[in-house]
Amino acid sequence: MYQKILEEISAFGGLVFLVIDPPNQEPKTAGEIAKIAQKVGVSAICVGGSVGAQGAILDQAISEIKANCSIPVILFPGNIASLSKHADALYFMSMLNSTDPYYITGAQIASAATVKHLGIEVIPTSYIVIEPGRAVGWVGRAQLIPRNLPYLAAITALAGQFLGSKMVILESGGGAESPVPPELVAATKKMVDVPLVVAGGVRDEKFAYETIRAGADIVHVGTAAEETNSDPSLVEKTLSRIVDSVKKAGKEKLQSQK
């Protein structure tokens, strides 16, 4: 899965991952949205959330997604219970700017044997929470990185890479009014050599385009789809616009690097 992500970033310059939070969508609805996501060009489905994405509802959601599309499913865990054998891969995350050791190494130690037993691919990931943080910042007791201090995000991401992370997620929190600023994205991307994901606040095609052009490799899109009330035509319209803008930004970014 990780190798596939690297290959697609190299080929397209920018990717869209759809985030599905099972408590917010019934499993059947999750499957229907996933089918639309594949149709419009979403590269992966990330399943999870800050609270509640666990147990039977998590398994059922992933099963429905798998039944309706062939794109990969990555677990985006909020805690040690957000694990499922039905997924293809797992963001094995450490919240580097948490003030609680549990979210830095404790949850990882507690879940490691279970993850090994499940046999799913592990993607070591640095998870960095940026203002406003919202629910994930509160739950994870994050010392939020100020939006106007890009250097702090960049050196935190670099520390994560040096510790062995293969991906970095800059998270503003689900439902944030906007994603992390382009300046912060650019500063972080200049500092690290691993894929950079921007999550939280990527509400429309404008934000998606700006984020990829600033240097992000992947954008997570969740709330934008949720706010359609699962209306299939609105989901398709919203995701299609975002995917098209990311493709455009990715192509421009690749051209500028030549």
C-alpha atoms as a PDB file:
ATOM      1  CA  MET A   1       0.000   0.000   0.000  1.00  0.00           C
ATOM      2  CA  TYR A   2       2.753   2.457   0.932  1.00  0.00           C
ATOM      3  CA  GLN A   3       4.644   1.722  -2.273  1.00  0.00           C
ATOM      4  CA  LYS A   4       1.439   2.305  -4.247  1.00  0.00           C
ATOM      5  CA  ILE A   5       1.013   5.691  -2.553  1.00  0.00           C
ATOM      6  CA  LEU A   6       4.576   6.687  -3.469  1.00  0.00           C
ATOM      7  CA  GLU A   7       4.057   5.626  -7.081  1.00  0.00           C
ATOM      8  CA  GLU A   8       0.812   7.578  -7.413  1.00  0.00           C
ATOM      9  CA  ILE A   9       2.323  10.706  -5.862  1.00  0.00           C
ATOM     10  CA  SER A  10       5.204  10.461  -8.331  1.00  0.00           C
ATOM     11  CA  ALA A  11       2.797  10.017 -11.239  1.00  0.00           C
ATOM     12  CA  PHE A  12       0.113  12.574 -10.358  1.00  0.00           C
ATOM     13  CA  GLY A  13       1.659  15.060  -7.917  1.00  0.00           C
ATOM     14  CA  GLY A  14      -1.382  15.078  -5.628  1.00  0.00           C
ATOM     15  CA  LEU A  15      -3.959  12.615  -4.307  1.00  0.00           C
ATOM     16  CA  VAL A  16      -7.329  12.745  -2.572  1.00  0.00           C
ATOM     17  CA  PHE A  17      -8.146  10.351   0.264  1.00  0.00           C
ATOM     18  CA  LEU A  18     -11.757  10.289   1.457  1.00  0.00           C
ATOM     19  CA  VAL A  19     -12.244  10.041   5.229  1.00  0.00           C
ATOM     20  CA  ILE A  20     -15.275   8.073   6.418  1.00  0.00           C
ATOM     21  CA  ASP A  21     -16.105   8.191  10.134  1.00  0.00           C
ATOM     22  CA  PRO A  22     -18.434   5.235  10.828  1.00  0.00           C
ATOM     23  CA  PRO A  23     -20.441   6.887  13.641  1.00  0.00           C
ATOM     24  CA  ASN A  24     -21.357   9.631  11.154  1.00  0.00           C
ATOM     25  CA  GLN A  25     -22.486   7.322   8.329  1.00  0.00           C
ATOM     26  CA  GLU A  26     -24.369   4.042   8.395  1.00  0.00           C
ATOM     27  CA  PRO A  27     -22.337   1.180   6.880  1.00  0.00           C
ATOM     28  CA  LYS A  28     -24.609   1.014   3.822  1.00  0.00           C
ATOM     29  CA  THR A  29     -24.189   4.743   3.268  1.00  0.00           C
ATOM     30  CA  ALA A  30     -20.416   4.407   3.649  1.00  0.00           C
ATOM     31  CA  GLY A  31     -20.430   1.815   0.887  1.00  0.00           C
ATOM     32  CA  GLU A  32     -22.484   4.025  -1.421  1.00  0.00           C
ATOM     33  CA  ILE A  33     -20.174   6.990  -0.852  1.00  0.00           C
ATOM     34  CA  ALA A  34     -17.116   4.808  -1.473  1.00  0.00           C
ATOM     35  CA  LYS A  35     -18.542   3.698  -4.816  1.00  0.00           C
ATOM     36  CA  ILE A  36     -18.921   7.326  -5.855  1.00  0.00           C
ATOM     37  CA  ALA A  37     -15.429   8.119  -4.561  1.00  0.00           C
ATOM     38  CA  GLN A  38     -13.871   5.496  -6.808  1.00  0.00           C
ATOM     39  CA  LYS A  39     -15.886   6.752  -9.787  1.00  0.00           C
ATOM     40  CA  VAL A  40     -14.542  10.317  -9.478  1.00  0.00           C
ATOM     41  CA  GLY A  41     -10.908   9.334  -8.858  1.00  0.00           C
ATOM     42  CA  VAL A  42     -10.340   9.240  -5.093  1.00  0.00           C
ATOM     43  CA  SER A  43      -7.189   7.214  -4.410  1.00  0.00           C
ATOM     44  CA  ALA A  44      -7.998   5.670  -1.007  1.00  0.00           C
ATOM     45  CA  ILE A  45     -10.610   5.549   1.738  1.00  0.00           C
ATOM     46  CA  CYS A  46      -9.461   6.347   5.274  1.00  0.00           C
ATOM     47  CA  VAL A  47     -11.778   4.939   7.921  1.00  0.00           C
ATOM     48  CA  GLY A  48     -11.778   6.181  11.505  1.00  0.00           C
ATOM     49  CA  GLY A  49     -12.241   9.210  13.685  1.00  0.00           C
ATOM     50  CA  SER A  50     -11.532  10.786  17.037  1.00  0.00           C
ATOM     51  CA  VAL A  51     -14.159   8.776  18.950  1.00  0.00           C
ATOM     52  CA  GLY A  52     -16.639   5.978  18.290  1.00  0.00           C
ATOM     53  CA  ALA A  53     -15.110   4.286  15.237  1.00  0.00           C
ATOM     54  CA  GLN A  54     -14.663   0.819  16.670  1.00  0.00           C
ATOM     55  CA  GLY A  55     -16.109  -2.652  17.002  1.00  0.00           C
ATOM     56  CA  ALA A  56     -18.935  -3.964  14.846  1.00  0.00           C
ATOM     57  CA  ILE A  57     -19.759  -0.632  13.223  1.00  0.00           C
ATOM     58  CA  LEU A  58     -16.146  -0.245  12.056  1.00  0.00           C
ATOM     59  CA  ASP A  59     -16.016  -3.770  10.616  1.00  0.00           C
ATOM     60  CA  GLN A  60     -19.393  -3.348   8.935  1.00  0.00           C
ATOM     61  CA  ALA A  61     -18.436  -0.007   7.407  1.00  0.00           C
ATOM     62  CA  ILE A  62     -15.211  -1.392   5.935  1.00  0.00           C
ATOM     63  CA  SER A  63     -17.005  -4.487   4.633  1.00  0.00           C
ATOM     64  CA  GLU A  64     -19.566  -2.311   2.848  1.00  0.00           C
ATOM     65  CA  ILE A  65     -16.818  -0.118   1.420  1.00  0.00           C
ATOM     66  CA  LYS A  66     -14.968  -3.189   0.155  1.00  0.00           C
ATOM     67  CA  ALA A  67     -18.158  -4.547  -1.406  1.00  0.00           C
ATOM     68  CA  ASN A  68     -18.710  -1.330  -3.347  1.00  0.00           C
ATOM     69  CA  CYS A  69     -15.250  -0.307  -4.526  1.00  0.00           C
ATOM     70  CA  SER A  70     -11.765  -1.660  -5.163  1.00  0.00           C
ATOM     71  CA  ILE A  71      -9.678   1.255  -3.903  1.00  0.00           C
ATOM     72  CA  PRO A  72      -7.614   0.638  -0.748  1.00  0.00           C
ATOM     73  CA  VAL A  73      -8.928   1.145   2.783  1.00  0.00           C
ATOM     74  CA  ILE A  74      -6.583   2.664   5.350  1.00  0.00           C
ATOM     75  CA  LEU A  75      -7.407   2.731   9.058  1.00  0.00           C
ATOM     76  CA  PHE A  76      -7.216   6.238  10.525  1.00  0.00           C
ATOM     77  CA  PRO A  77      -7.432   5.290  14.217  1.00  0.00           C
ATOM     78  CA  GLY A  78      -8.556   7.520  17.038  1.00  0.00           C
ATOM     79  CA  ASN A  79      -7.537   4.972  19.645  1.00  0.00           C
ATOM     80  CA  ILE A  80      -6.479   1.353  20.151  1.00  0.00           C
ATOM     81  CA  ALA A  81     -10.000   0.027  19.511  1.00  0.00           C
ATOM     82  CA  SER A  82     -10.099   1.484  15.983  1.00  0.00           C
ATOM     83  CA  LEU A  83      -8.623  -1.640  14.405  1.00  0.00           C
ATOM     84  CA  SER A  84     -10.107  -4.045  11.879  1.00  0.00           C
ATOM     85  CA  LYS A  85      -8.761  -7.034   9.998  1.00  0.00           C
ATOM     86  CA  HIS A  86     -10.756  -5.963   6.939  1.00  0.00           C
ATOM     87  CA  ALA A  87      -8.561  -2.935   6.183  1.00  0.00           C
ATOM     88  CA  ASP A  88      -5.608  -2.930   3.794  1.00  0.00           C
ATOM     89  CA  ALA A  89      -3.304  -0.715   5.841  1.00  0.00           C
ATOM     90  CA  LEU A  90      -3.056   1.311   9.023  1.00  0.00           C
ATOM     91  CA  TYR A  91      -1.681   4.732   9.811  1.00  0.00           C
ATOM     92  CA  PHE A  92       0.380   3.709  12.859  1.00  0.00           C
ATOM     93  CA  MET A  93       0.347   7.201  14.294  1.00  0.00           C
ATOM     94  CA  SER A  94       2.195   9.038  17.011  1.00  0.00           C
ATOM     95  CA  MET A  95       0.764  12.434  17.946  1.00  0.00           C
ATOM     96  CA  LEU A  96       4.090  14.167  18.301  1.00  0.00           C
ATOM     97  CA  ASN A  97       2.771  17.346  19.919  1.00  0.00           C
ATOM     98  CA  SER A  98       0.526  15.695  22.497  1.00  0.00           C
ATOM     99  CA  THR A  99       1.257  16.494  26.124  1.00  0.00           C
ATOM    100  CA  ASP A 100       0.070  13.007  27.093  1.00  0.00           C
ATOM    101  CA  PRO A 101       2.589  10.151  26.635  1.00  0.00           C
ATOM    102  CA  TYR A 102      -0.320   7.827  25.895  1.00  0.00           C
ATOM    103  CA  TYR A 103      -0.849   9.425  22.477  1.00  0.00           C
ATOM    104  CA  ILE A 104       2.872   9.566  21.705  1.00  0.00           C
ATOM    105  CA  THR A 105       3.872   5.975  22.550  1.00  0.00           C
ATOM    106  CA  GLY A 106       1.389   4.443  24.994  1.00  0.00           C
ATOM    107  CA  ALA A 107      -1.413   3.569  22.580  1.00  0.00           C
ATOM    108  CA  GLN A 108       1.157   2.291  20.114  1.00  0.00           C
ATOM    109  CA  ILE A 109       2.661  -0.101  22.653  1.00  0.00           C
ATOM    110  CA  ALA A 110      -0.776  -1.270  23.787  1.00  0.00           C
ATOM    111  CA  SER A 111      -1.890  -2.035  20.219  1.00  0.00           C
ATOM    112  CA  ALA A 112       1.324  -3.353  18.643  1.00  0.00           C
ATOM    113  CA  ALA A 113       0.748  -7.075  19.251  1.00  0.00           C
ATOM    114  CA  THR A 114      -2.849  -6.843  18.018  1.00  0.00           C
ATOM    115  CA  VAL A 115      -1.765  -5.031  14.876  1.00  0.00           C
ATOM    116  CA  LYS A 116       0.850  -7.722  14.193  1.00  0.00           C
ATOM    117  CA  HIS A 117      -1.762 -10.425  14.714  1.00  0.00           C
ATOM    118  CA  LEU A 118      -4.173  -8.748  12.277  1.00  0.00           C
ATOM    119  CA  GLY A 119      -1.504  -8.838   9.584  1.00  0.00           C
ATOM    120  CA  ILE A 120      -2.407  -5.534   7.965  1.00  0.00           C
ATOM    121  CA  GLU A 121       0.256  -3.256   6.486  1.00  0.00           C
ATOM    122  CA  VAL A 122       1.598  -0.650   8.907  1.00  0.00           C
ATOM    123  CA  ILE A 123       2.509   2.859   7.756  1.00  0.00           C
ATOM    124  CA  PRO A 124       4.489   4.635  10.523  1.00  0.00           C
ATOM    125  CA  THR A 125       2.995   8.126  10.636  1.00  0.00           C
ATOM    126  CA  SER A 126       3.745  11.368  12.460  1.00  0.00           C
ATOM    127  CA  TYR A 127       0.496  13.050  13.443  1.00  0.00           C
ATOM    128  CA  ILE A 128       0.805  16.765  14.157  1.00  0.00           C
ATOM    129  CA  VAL A 129      -2.165  18.826  15.308  1.00  0.00           C
ATOM    130  CA  ILE A 130      -2.387  22.443  14.173  1.00  0.00           C
ATOM    131  CA  GLU A 131      -4.745  25.149  15.454  1.00  0.00           C
ATOM    132  CA  PRO A 132      -7.731  24.952  15.904  1.00  0.00           C
ATOM    133  CA  GLY A 133      -7.373  21.191  16.534  1.00  0.00           C
ATOM    134  CA  ARG A 134     -11.051  20.746  17.362  1.00  0.00           C
ATOM    135  CA  ALA A 135     -12.093  17.309  18.674  1.00  0.00           C
ATOM    136  CA  VAL A 136      -8.842  15.512  17.915  1.00  0.00           C
ATOM    137  CA  GLY A 137      -6.828  18.220  19.646  1.00  0.00           C
ATOM    138  CA  TRP A 138      -9.020  17.998  22.721  1.00  0.00           C
ATOM    139  CA  VAL A 139      -9.063  14.203  22.847  1.00  0.00           C
ATOM    140  CA  GLY A 140      -5.325  13.930  22.191  1.00  0.00           C
ATOM    141  CA  ARG A 141      -4.365  16.715  24.622  1.00  0.00           C
ATOM    142  CA  ALA A 142      -2.327  18.375  21.901  1.00  0.00           C
ATOM    143  CA  GLN A 143      -0.149  21.397  22.429  1.00  0.00           C
ATOM    144  CA  LEU A 144      -1.506  22.959  19.263  1.00  0.00           C
ATOM    145  CA  ILE A 145       0.978  24.387  16.790  1.00  0.00           C
ATOM    146  CA  PRO A 146       0.065  28.010  15.959  1.00  0.00           C
ATOM    147  CA  ARG A 147      -0.993  28.535  12.362  1.00  0.00           C
ATOM    148  CA  ASN A 148       1.326  31.525  12.033  1.00  0.00           C
ATOM    149  CA  LEU A 149       4.466  29.617  13.061  1.00  0.00           C
ATOM    150  CA  PRO A 150       5.265  27.340  10.083  1.00  0.00           C
ATOM    151  CA  TYR A 151       8.756  26.556  11.368  1.00  0.00           C
ATOM    152  CA  LEU A 152       7.374  24.758  14.415  1.00  0.00           C
ATOM    153  CA  ALA A 153       5.335  22.422  12.244  1.00  0.00           C
ATOM    154  CA  ALA A 154       8.283  21.846   9.932  1.00  0.00           C
ATOM    155  CA  ILE A 155      10.787  20.880  12.614  1.00  0.00           C
ATOM    156  CA  THR A 156       8.216  18.690  14.361  1.00  0.00           C
ATOM    157  CA  ALA A 157       7.623  16.839  11.091  1.00  0.00           C
ATOM    158  CA  LEU A 158      11.377  16.502  10.547  1.00  0.00           C
ATOM    159  CA  ALA A 159      11.785  15.003  14.012  1.00  0.00           C
ATOM    160  CA  GLY A 160       9.109  12.476  13.114  1.00  0.00           C
ATOM    161  CA  GLN A 161      10.923  11.548   9.929  1.00  0.00           C
ATOM    162  CA  PHE A 162      14.186  11.120  11.823  1.00  0.00           C
ATOM    163  CA  LEU A 163      12.357   8.836  14.265  1.00  0.00           C
ATOM    164  CA  GLY A 164      11.277   6.625  11.377  1.00  0.00           C
ATOM    165  CA  SER A 165       7.910   7.934  10.189  1.00  0.00           C
ATOM    166  CA  LYS A 166       7.096   7.258   6.543  1.00  0.00           C
ATOM    167  CA  MET A 167       4.296   9.829   6.381  1.00  0.00           C
ATOM    168  CA  VAL A 168       3.380  13.110   8.061  1.00  0.00           C
ATOM    169  CA  ILE A 169      -0.176  14.306   8.690  1.00  0.00           C
ATOM    170  CA  LEU A 170      -0.828  17.960   9.487  1.00  0.00           C
ATOM    171  CA  GLU A 171      -4.254  17.968  11.139  1.00  0.00           C
ATOM    172  CA  SER A 172      -6.416  21.031  11.781  1.00  0.00           C
ATOM    173  CA  GLY A 173      -9.272  18.885  13.104  1.00  0.00           C
ATOM    174  CA  GLY A 174     -12.373  17.556  11.418  1.00  0.00           C
ATOM    175  CA  GLY A 175     -14.770  20.351  10.555  1.00  0.00           C
ATOM    176  CA  ALA A 176     -12.159  23.113  10.734  1.00  0.00           C
ATOM    177  CA  GLU A 177     -13.079  26.234   8.781  1.00  0.00           C
ATOM    178  CA  SER A 178      -9.928  25.964   6.669  1.00  0.00           C
ATOM    179  CA  PRO A 179      -6.897  23.697   6.302  1.00  0.00           C
ATOM    180  CA  VAL A 180      -3.427  24.580   7.534  1.00  0.00           C
ATOM    181  CA  PRO A 181      -2.123  27.692   5.726  1.00  0.00           C
ATOM    182  CA  PRO A 182      -0.159  27.263   2.477  1.00  0.00           C
ATOM    183  CA  GLU A 183       2.905  28.836   4.106  1.00  0.00           C
ATOM    184  CA  LEU A 184       2.912  26.173   6.806  1.00  0.00           C
ATOM    185  CA  VAL A 185       2.447  23.407   4.241  1.00  0.00           C
ATOM    186  CA  ALA A 186       5.311  24.750   2.124  1.00  0.00           C
ATOM    187  CA  ALA A 187       7.678  25.077   5.088  1.00  0.00           C
ATOM    188  CA  THR A 188       6.957  21.532   6.216  1.00  0.00           C
ATOM    189  CA  LYS A 189       7.349  20.014   2.759  1.00  0.00           C
ATOM    190  CA  LYS A 190      10.716  21.717   2.316  1.00  0.00           C
ATOM    191  CA  MET A 191      11.906  20.088   5.540  1.00  0.00           C
ATOM    192  CA  VAL A 192      10.797  16.469   4.986  1.00  0.00           C
ATOM    193  CA  ASP A 193      11.297  13.815   2.319  1.00  0.00           C
ATOM    194  CA  VAL A 194       8.263  11.652   3.113  1.00  0.00           C
ATOM    195  CA  PRO A 195       4.683  12.105   1.844  1.00  0.00           C
ATOM    196  CA  LEU A 196       2.876  15.033   3.434  1.00  0.00           C
ATOM    197  CA  VAL A 197      -0.844  14.767   4.173  1.00  0.00           C
ATOM    198  CA  VAL A 198      -3.062  17.726   5.050  1.00  0.00           C
ATOM    199  CA  ALA A 199      -6.231  16.902   6.969  1.00  0.00           C
ATOM    200  CA  GLY A 200      -9.057  18.978   8.371  1.00  0.00           C
ATOM    201  CA  GLY A 201     -10.666  21.943   6.678  1.00  0.00           C
ATOM    202  CA  VAL A 202     -10.218  20.892   3.039  1.00  0.00           C
ATOM    203  CA  ARG A 203     -13.810  21.887   2.404  1.00  0.00           C
ATOM    204  CA  ASP A 204     -13.782  22.748  -1.289  1.00  0.00           C
ATOM    205  CA  GLU A 205     -11.805  22.692  -4.503  1.00  0.00           C
ATOM    206  CA  LYS A 206     -10.133  26.032  -3.786  1.00  0.00           C
ATOM    207  CA  PHE A 207      -8.616  24.835  -0.514  1.00  0.00           C
ATOM    208  CA  ALA A 208      -7.659  21.517  -2.123  1.00  0.00           C
ATOM    209  CA  TYR A 209      -5.883  23.228  -5.017  1.00  0.00           C
ATOM    210  CA  GLU A 210      -3.990  25.668  -2.785  1.00  0.00           C
ATOM    211  CA  THR A 211      -2.908  22.919  -0.414  1.00  0.00           C
ATOM    212  CA  ILE A 212      -1.456  20.693  -3.131  1.00  0.00           C
ATOM    213  CA  ARG A 213       0.232  23.620  -4.893  1.00  0.00           C
ATOM    214  CA  ALA A 214       1.823  24.617  -1.580  1.00  0.00           C
ATOM    215  CA  GLY A 215       3.520  21.230  -1.410  1.00  0.00           C
ATOM    216  CA  ALA A 216       1.140  18.685   0.116  1.00  0.00           C
ATOM    217  CA  ASP A 217       1.073  15.268  -1.528  1.00  0.00           C
ATOM    218  CA  ILE A 218      -2.314  14.148  -0.212  1.00  0.00           C
ATOM    219  CA  VAL A 219      -5.430  15.872   1.095  1.00  0.00           C
ATOM    220  CA  HIS A 220      -7.942  14.202   3.386  1.00  0.00           C
ATOM    221  CA  VAL A 221     -11.547  15.103   2.622  1.00  0.00           C
ATOM    222  CA  GLY A 222     -14.267  14.178   5.107  1.00  0.00           C
ATOM    223  CA  THR A 223     -16.579  16.935   6.285  1.00  0.00           C
ATOM    224  CA  ALA A 224     -17.138  18.198   2.736  1.00  0.00           C
ATOM    225  CA  ALA A 225     -18.757  14.856   1.894  1.00  0.00           C
ATOM    226  CA  GLU A 226     -20.604  14.582   5.204  1.00  0.00           C
ATOM    227  CA  GLU A 227     -22.231  17.983   4.723  1.00  0.00           C
ATOM    228  CA  THR A 228     -24.014  16.726   1.585  1.00  0.00           C
ATOM    229  CA  ASN A 229     -26.282  14.650   3.879  1.00  0.00           C
ATOM    230  CA  SER A 230     -25.161  11.661   1.798  1.00  0.00           C
ATOM    231  CA  ASP A 231     -27.131  12.837  -1.241  1.00  0.00           C
ATOM    232  CA  PRO A 232     -25.456  10.828  -4.042  1.00  0.00           C
ATOM    233  CA  SER A 233     -25.564  13.620  -6.614  1.00  0.00           C
ATOM    234  CA  LEU A 234     -24.136  16.162  -4.163  1.00  0.00           C
ATOM    235  CA  VAL A 235     -21.446  13.734  -2.984  1.00  0.00           C
ATOM    236  CA  GLU A 236     -20.379  13.119  -6.583  1.00  0.00           C
ATOM    237  CA  LYS A 237     -20.418  16.823  -7.434  1.00  0.00           C
ATOM    238  CA  THR A 238     -18.412  17.785  -4.342  1.00  0.00           C
ATOM    239  CA  LEU A 239     -15.798  15.042  -4.621  1.00  0.00           C
ATOM    240  CA  SER A 240     -15.456  15.440  -8.372  1.00  0.00           C
ATOM    241  CA  ARG A 241     -14.646  19.133  -8.033  1.00  0.00           C
ATOM    242  CA  ILE A 242     -12.068  18.462  -5.330  1.00  0.00           C
ATOM    243  CA  VAL A 243     -10.428  15.600  -7.235  1.00  0.00           C
ATOM    244  CA  ASP A 244     -10.257  17.671 -10.422  1.00  0.00           C
ATOM    245  CA  SER A 245      -8.647  20.591  -8.570  1.00  0.00           C
ATOM    246  CA  VAL A 246      -6.085  18.280  -6.964  1.00  0.00           C
ATOM    247  CA  LYS A 247      -5.246  16.722 -10.327  1.00  0.00           C
ATOM    248  CA  LYS A 248      -4.740  20.191 -11.800  1.00  0.00           C
ATOM    249  CA  ALA A 249      -2.570  21.323  -8.888  1.00  0.00           C
ATOM    250  CA  GLY A 250      -0.582  18.091  -8.945  1.00  0.00           C
ATOM    251  CA  LYS A 251       0.121  18.407 -12.647  1.00  0.00           C
ATOM    252  CA  GLU A 252       1.260  22.015 -12.234  1.00  0.00           C
ATOM    253  CA  LYS A 253       3.439  21.060  -9.297  1.00  0.00           C
ATOM    254  CA  LEU A 254       5.156  18.284 -11.257  1.00  0.00           C
ATOM    255  CA  GLN A 255       5.749  20.611 -14.200  1.00  0.00           C
ATOM    256  CA  SER A 256       7.320  23.246 -11.939  1.00  0.00           C
ATOM    257  CA  GLN A 257       9.735  20.653 -10.578  1.00  0.00           C
ATOM    258  CA  LYS A 258      11.174  19.787 -13.986  1.00  0.00           C
END
